Amino acid sequence: MTDDLKNMTCEEFQAQMPELISTGADASEHPHVQNCDLCRALLADLETIAEAARQMFPVVDPPDHLWKQIESAIQEEDSAAEKR
């Protein structure tokens, strides 16, 4: 692989993209993306897709009482298992 990030190939950059994105790094700041229209467009498309997915499936924290119900159910199962 090329040591100079600016001169890496599209294939090399795209192979590193999942790891780069998963670290939370701003992939648009990567030297290769700054100089490659193809990878810049690919990254923009992926960001658009990810944003659309977040809007379709928003993360919602469950209500506090749900955790208490889960804990109670686990305790009841443990009690029933001990009686057997």
Protein backbone atom coordinates (compact mmCIF):
# COMPACT_ATOMS: atom_id res chain seq x y z
CA MET A 1 0.00 0.00 0.00
CA THR A 2 1.14 3.52 -0.70
CA ASP A 3 2.58 5.37 2.30
CA ASP A 4 1.62 8.73 0.81
CA LEU A 5 -2.11 9.02 1.59
CA LYS A 6 -2.57 11.66 -1.07
CA ASN A 7 -1.29 9.34 -3.80
CA MET A 8 -3.05 6.15 -2.76
CA THR A 9 -5.25 4.46 -5.33
CA CYS A 10 -9.03 4.51 -5.20
CA GLU A 11 -8.96 0.79 -4.47
CA GLU A 12 -6.64 1.32 -1.49
CA PHE A 13 -8.75 4.16 -0.14
CA GLN A 14 -12.04 2.30 -0.59
CA ALA A 15 -10.59 -0.73 1.20
CA GLN A 16 -9.82 1.54 4.18
CA MET A 17 -13.15 3.41 4.11
CA PRO A 18 -15.12 1.09 6.44
CA GLU A 19 -12.45 1.31 9.14
CA LEU A 20 -12.02 5.05 8.62
CA ILE A 21 -15.76 5.67 8.91
CA SER A 22 -16.18 3.33 11.90
CA THR A 23 -13.58 5.27 13.89
CA GLY A 24 -15.72 8.39 13.60
CA ALA A 25 -13.03 10.19 11.65
CA ASP A 26 -14.14 12.76 9.09
CA ALA A 27 -13.43 10.76 5.94
CA SER A 28 -13.97 13.86 3.81
CA GLU A 29 -10.75 15.26 5.31
CA HIS A 30 -8.68 12.33 4.07
CA PRO A 31 -5.97 13.49 1.62
CA HIS A 32 -7.11 11.04 -1.06
CA VAL A 33 -10.69 12.34 -0.96
CA GLN A 34 -9.42 15.90 -1.26
CA ASN A 35 -7.86 15.00 -4.62
CA CYS A 36 -10.19 12.34 -6.04
CA ASP A 37 -13.56 13.29 -7.50
CA LEU A 38 -14.65 9.65 -7.74
CA CYS A 39 -14.04 8.81 -4.07
CA ARG A 40 -15.41 12.17 -2.93
CA ALA A 41 -18.64 11.43 -4.84
CA LEU A 42 -18.76 7.89 -3.43
CA LEU A 43 -18.31 9.20 0.11
CA ALA A 44 -21.05 11.81 -0.42
CA ASP A 45 -23.40 9.10 -1.69
CA LEU A 46 -22.65 6.89 1.32
CA GLU A 47 -23.27 9.79 3.70
CA THR A 48 -26.60 10.51 1.99
CA ILE A 49 -27.62 6.86 2.31
CA ALA A 50 -26.57 6.74 5.98
CA GLU A 51 -28.53 9.90 6.78
CA ALA A 52 -31.63 8.52 5.04
CA ALA A 53 -31.31 5.29 7.04
CA ARG A 54 -31.01 7.25 10.31
CA GLN A 55 -34.20 9.12 9.45
CA MET A 56 -36.05 5.92 8.56
CA PHE A 57 -34.95 4.11 11.71
CA PRO A 58 -34.33 6.69 14.43
CA VAL A 59 -32.75 5.50 17.65
CA VAL A 60 -35.24 5.84 20.46
CA ASP A 61 -34.31 5.13 24.05
CA PRO A 62 -36.82 2.84 25.75
CA PRO A 63 -38.75 4.28 28.70
CA ASP A 64 -37.27 3.74 32.16
CA HIS A 65 -40.16 1.54 33.29
CA LEU A 66 -39.29 -0.98 30.58
CA TRP A 67 -35.93 -1.73 32.21
CA LYS A 68 -37.71 -2.34 35.53
CA GLN A 69 -40.12 -4.75 33.82
CA ILE A 70 -37.21 -6.61 32.23
CA GLU A 71 -35.41 -6.83 35.57
CA SER A 72 -38.57 -8.14 37.27
CA ALA A 73 -39.07 -10.76 34.56
CA ILE A 74 -35.47 -11.95 34.96
CA GLN A 75 -35.87 -12.17 38.73
CA GLU A 76 -39.10 -14.16 38.33
CA GLU A 77 -37.36 -16.58 35.95
CA ASP A 78 -34.46 -16.98 38.39
CA SER A 79 -36.90 -17.69 41.24
CA ALA A 80 -38.80 -20.23 39.16
CA ALA A 81 -35.56 -21.93 38.14
CA GLU A 82 -34.42 -22.19 41.76
CA LYS A 83 -37.69 -23.92 42.74
CA ARG A 84 -37.20 -26.68 40.18
